[in-house]
Amino acid sequence: MRKQWTLTQEAFDKLLAWFDSDRERAGKKYEDIRRNLIKVFAWRGFDNAEDLVDETINRVNQKVDELTENYTGDPALYFYGVAKKVMLESGRQNPPQSLSDMIAAPPDNNIGTESDERERMCECLDKCLAQLPQTDRDLVLHYYQEAKQRKIDFRKEMAQQLKLTQNTLRVKMHRLRMRIHKCMLLCLQQGSDETD
């Protein structure tokens, strides 16, 4: 990752002016770009999506003077190009690490409203969980019950109850996550094909 660059108010004002001369519309465009970039990074499995979005915005902002003079087209497209480079630099993409990661809305602007997207994601998750054997489904649902330190302790207890090592439990959960993830991608693709 590059050396940290700090966003100044002056640089941010220039960025907003690049989006639109109306500050309110520019602010909305900025928020839309930021939200969509977070979705892109999260959907691609990066658990530090917001940090990577900040890095992307900082890189674009460093070139805002040059961009306002020379760049033509939708500023969002430039952001997505920089985000792609940030992804490549950030290493291998990881699969979703939790059920909530799996229902993070994918970066598809043709689906509809955000609540529609989330509802469709939840329906696909329910469908995919229902396809698992009951023991695996219960395991997945229990595995993601707790948060923070309690999560670590709870997973140790789970491993002991199942007479598994913690590593074996993690591998089993990884395989189940990947199975659910593939099922969800297929489900979402089918839903998208039906609306086309």
Protein backbone atom coordinates (compact mmCIF):
# COMPACT_ATOMS: atom_id res chain seq x y z
CA MET A 1 0.00 0.00 0.00
CA ARG A 2 1.19 3.52 -0.69
CA LYS A 3 2.29 6.11 1.83
CA GLN A 4 -0.66 7.59 3.73
CA TRP A 5 -1.97 10.83 2.23
CA THR A 6 -4.25 13.08 4.24
CA LEU A 7 -7.36 14.53 2.66
CA THR A 8 -7.58 18.28 3.24
CA GLN A 9 -10.75 20.36 3.13
CA GLU A 10 -9.38 22.22 0.08
CA ALA A 11 -8.71 18.97 -1.80
CA PHE A 12 -12.16 17.64 -0.86
CA ASP A 13 -13.80 20.85 -2.10
CA LYS A 14 -11.98 20.48 -5.43
CA LEU A 15 -13.17 16.88 -5.68
CA LEU A 16 -16.78 17.91 -5.09
CA ALA A 17 -16.46 20.71 -7.65
CA TRP A 18 -15.23 18.09 -10.16
CA PHE A 19 -18.43 16.09 -9.60
CA ASP A 20 -20.88 18.96 -9.98
CA SER A 21 -21.02 22.73 -9.58
CA ASP A 22 -24.01 22.28 -7.23
CA ARG A 23 -22.48 21.27 -3.89
CA GLU A 24 -25.53 19.27 -2.79
CA ARG A 25 -25.61 17.18 -5.98
CA ALA A 26 -21.83 16.79 -5.77
CA GLY A 27 -22.12 15.55 -2.18
CA LYS A 28 -24.77 13.02 -3.19
CA LYS A 29 -22.59 11.79 -6.05
CA TYR A 30 -19.65 11.43 -3.66
CA GLU A 31 -21.77 9.39 -1.22
CA ASP A 32 -23.09 7.19 -4.07
CA ILE A 33 -19.57 6.51 -5.33
CA ARG A 34 -18.30 5.74 -1.83
CA ARG A 35 -21.22 3.40 -1.05
CA ASN A 36 -20.84 1.58 -4.37
CA LEU A 37 -17.09 1.19 -3.92
CA ILE A 38 -17.66 -0.34 -0.48
CA LYS A 39 -20.07 -2.81 -2.07
CA VAL A 40 -17.55 -3.66 -4.78
CA PHE A 41 -14.73 -4.34 -2.31
CA ALA A 42 -16.99 -6.24 0.12
CA TRP A 43 -18.52 -8.36 -2.63
CA ARG A 44 -15.05 -9.28 -3.83
CA GLY A 45 -14.29 -10.57 -0.34
CA PHE A 46 -12.11 -7.82 1.12
CA ASP A 47 -12.82 -7.56 4.83
CA ASN A 48 -11.17 -4.11 4.97
CA ALA A 49 -13.45 -2.63 2.29
CA GLU A 50 -13.81 0.80 3.90
CA ASP A 51 -10.04 1.20 4.28
CA LEU A 52 -9.55 0.28 0.63
CA VAL A 53 -12.24 2.75 -0.41
CA ASP A 54 -10.48 5.47 1.59
CA GLU A 55 -7.23 4.57 -0.18
CA THR A 56 -9.01 4.74 -3.56
CA ILE A 57 -10.54 8.13 -2.78
CA ASN A 58 -7.21 9.46 -1.54
CA ARG A 59 -5.46 8.38 -4.73
CA VAL A 60 -8.07 10.04 -6.91
CA ASN A 61 -7.98 13.13 -4.76
CA GLN A 62 -4.23 13.44 -5.17
CA LYS A 63 -4.82 13.87 -8.91
CA VAL A 64 -7.92 16.05 -8.72
CA ASP A 65 -6.20 19.11 -10.24
CA GLU A 66 -5.08 17.07 -13.24
CA LEU A 67 -8.46 15.34 -13.52
CA THR A 68 -10.49 18.53 -13.54
CA GLU A 69 -8.41 19.79 -16.46
CA ASN A 70 -7.99 16.64 -18.54
CA TYR A 71 -10.54 13.96 -17.66
CA THR A 72 -13.79 13.75 -19.59
CA GLY A 73 -16.56 11.37 -18.69
CA ASP A 74 -18.21 10.14 -15.53
CA PRO A 75 -15.93 10.60 -12.51
CA ALA A 76 -17.32 7.36 -11.02
CA LEU A 77 -15.68 5.38 -13.81
CA TYR A 78 -12.30 6.83 -12.92
CA PHE A 79 -12.85 5.81 -9.28
CA TYR A 80 -13.69 2.24 -10.35
CA GLY A 81 -10.50 2.07 -12.40
CA VAL A 82 -8.42 3.17 -9.42
CA ALA A 83 -10.32 0.75 -7.17
CA LYS A 84 -9.39 -2.10 -9.50
CA LYS A 85 -5.70 -1.24 -9.10
CA VAL A 86 -6.09 -0.99 -5.32
CA MET A 87 -7.66 -4.47 -5.33
CA LEU A 88 -4.78 -5.93 -7.30
CA GLU A 89 -2.25 -4.36 -4.94
CA SER A 90 -4.16 -5.59 -1.90
CA GLY A 91 -3.55 -9.20 -2.80
CA ARG A 92 -5.65 -12.24 -3.29
CA GLN A 93 -9.37 -11.81 -3.01
CA ASN A 94 -10.90 -13.69 -0.13
CA PRO A 95 -14.28 -15.41 0.01
CA PRO A 96 -16.97 -13.96 2.28
CA GLN A 97 -16.12 -14.66 5.93
CA SER A 98 -19.58 -14.52 7.46
CA LEU A 99 -23.25 -14.82 6.63
CA SER A 100 -23.62 -11.04 6.75
CA ASP A 101 -20.81 -10.76 4.19
CA MET A 102 -22.78 -13.05 1.93
CA ILE A 103 -25.78 -10.75 1.97
CA ALA A 104 -23.78 -7.59 1.33
CA ALA A 105 -25.36 -6.20 -1.81
CA PRO A 106 -23.39 -6.93 -4.99
CA PRO A 107 -22.31 -4.02 -7.18
CA ASP A 108 -25.16 -4.22 -9.65
CA ASN A 109 -27.00 -1.01 -10.38
CA ASN A 110 -29.74 -2.79 -12.35
CA ILE A 111 -31.24 -4.74 -9.47
CA GLY A 112 -33.42 -2.03 -7.96
CA THR A 113 -33.48 -0.32 -4.62
CA GLU A 114 -31.09 -1.28 -1.85
CA SER A 115 -33.92 -2.85 0.18
CA ASP A 116 -34.91 -4.94 -2.87
CA GLU A 117 -31.29 -6.06 -3.24
CA ARG A 118 -31.04 -7.03 0.42
CA GLU A 119 -34.36 -8.86 0.30
CA ARG A 120 -33.26 -10.85 -2.75
CA MET A 121 -29.93 -11.65 -1.10
CA CYS A 122 -31.72 -12.87 2.02
CA GLU A 123 -34.08 -15.02 -0.06
CA CYS A 124 -31.10 -16.59 -1.84
CA LEU A 125 -29.32 -17.16 1.46
CA ASP A 126 -32.41 -18.87 2.90
CA LYS A 127 -32.72 -21.03 -0.22
CA CYS A 128 -29.03 -22.00 -0.09
CA LEU A 129 -29.12 -22.77 3.62
CA ALA A 130 -32.19 -24.95 3.06
CA GLN A 131 -30.20 -27.04 0.57
CA LEU A 132 -27.67 -28.00 3.24
CA PRO A 133 -28.14 -31.09 5.39
CA GLN A 134 -29.76 -30.16 8.72
CA THR A 135 -26.54 -30.74 10.72
CA ASP A 136 -24.51 -28.47 8.42
CA ARG A 137 -27.22 -25.81 8.42
CA ASP A 138 -27.35 -25.84 12.23
CA LEU A 139 -23.56 -25.67 12.38
CA VAL A 140 -23.45 -22.61 10.09
CA LEU A 141 -26.17 -20.80 12.00
CA HIS A 142 -24.57 -21.51 15.39
CA TYR A 143 -21.07 -20.64 14.19
CA TYR A 144 -22.07 -17.04 13.46
CA GLN A 145 -24.10 -16.37 16.61
CA GLU A 146 -21.60 -14.41 18.68
CA ALA A 147 -19.33 -11.41 18.11
CA LYS A 148 -15.92 -10.17 19.28
CA GLN A 149 -14.28 -12.05 22.18
CA ARG A 150 -17.40 -14.11 22.86
CA LYS A 151 -17.19 -15.38 19.27
CA ILE A 152 -13.69 -16.77 19.87
CA ASP A 153 -14.70 -18.49 23.12
CA PHE A 154 -17.92 -19.81 21.57
CA ARG A 155 -16.07 -21.33 18.62
CA LYS A 156 -13.59 -23.03 20.95
CA GLU A 157 -16.52 -24.55 22.83
CA MET A 158 -18.15 -25.63 19.54
CA ALA A 159 -14.96 -27.37 18.42
CA GLN A 160 -14.72 -29.20 21.76
CA GLN A 161 -18.39 -30.28 21.65
CA LEU A 162 -17.95 -31.59 18.10
CA LYS A 163 -14.69 -33.28 19.08
CA LEU A 164 -12.82 -31.34 16.41
CA THR A 165 -9.72 -29.20 16.52
CA GLN A 166 -10.35 -25.50 16.02
CA ASN A 167 -8.51 -25.66 12.71
CA THR A 168 -10.66 -28.56 11.51
CA LEU A 169 -13.77 -26.58 12.43
CA ARG A 170 -12.46 -23.52 10.53
CA VAL A 171 -11.75 -25.65 7.45
CA LYS A 172 -15.21 -27.21 7.64
CA MET A 173 -16.79 -23.75 7.95
CA HIS A 174 -14.71 -22.44 5.06
CA ARG A 175 -15.98 -25.26 2.85
CA LEU A 176 -19.57 -24.64 3.89
CA ARG A 177 -19.18 -20.87 3.27
CA MET A 178 -17.78 -21.55 -0.19
CA ARG A 179 -20.66 -23.92 -0.94
CA ILE A 180 -23.21 -21.32 0.20
CA HIS A 181 -21.37 -18.57 -1.68
CA LYS A 182 -21.46 -20.51 -4.98
CA CYS A 183 -25.13 -21.31 -4.45
CA MET A 184 -25.91 -17.65 -3.79
CA LEU A 185 -24.05 -16.47 -6.87
CA LEU A 186 -26.05 -18.91 -8.97
CA CYS A 187 -29.31 -17.89 -7.29
CA LEU A 188 -28.61 -14.19 -7.80
CA GLN A 189 -27.59 -14.76 -11.41
CA GLN A 190 -30.83 -16.62 -12.08
CA GLY A 191 -32.82 -13.81 -10.47
CA SER A 192 -30.94 -11.26 -12.56
CA ASP A 193 -31.58 -13.23 -15.77
CA GLU A 194 -35.30 -13.33 -14.99
CA THR A 195 -35.47 -9.53 -14.68
CA ASP A 196 -33.56 -8.91 -17.96
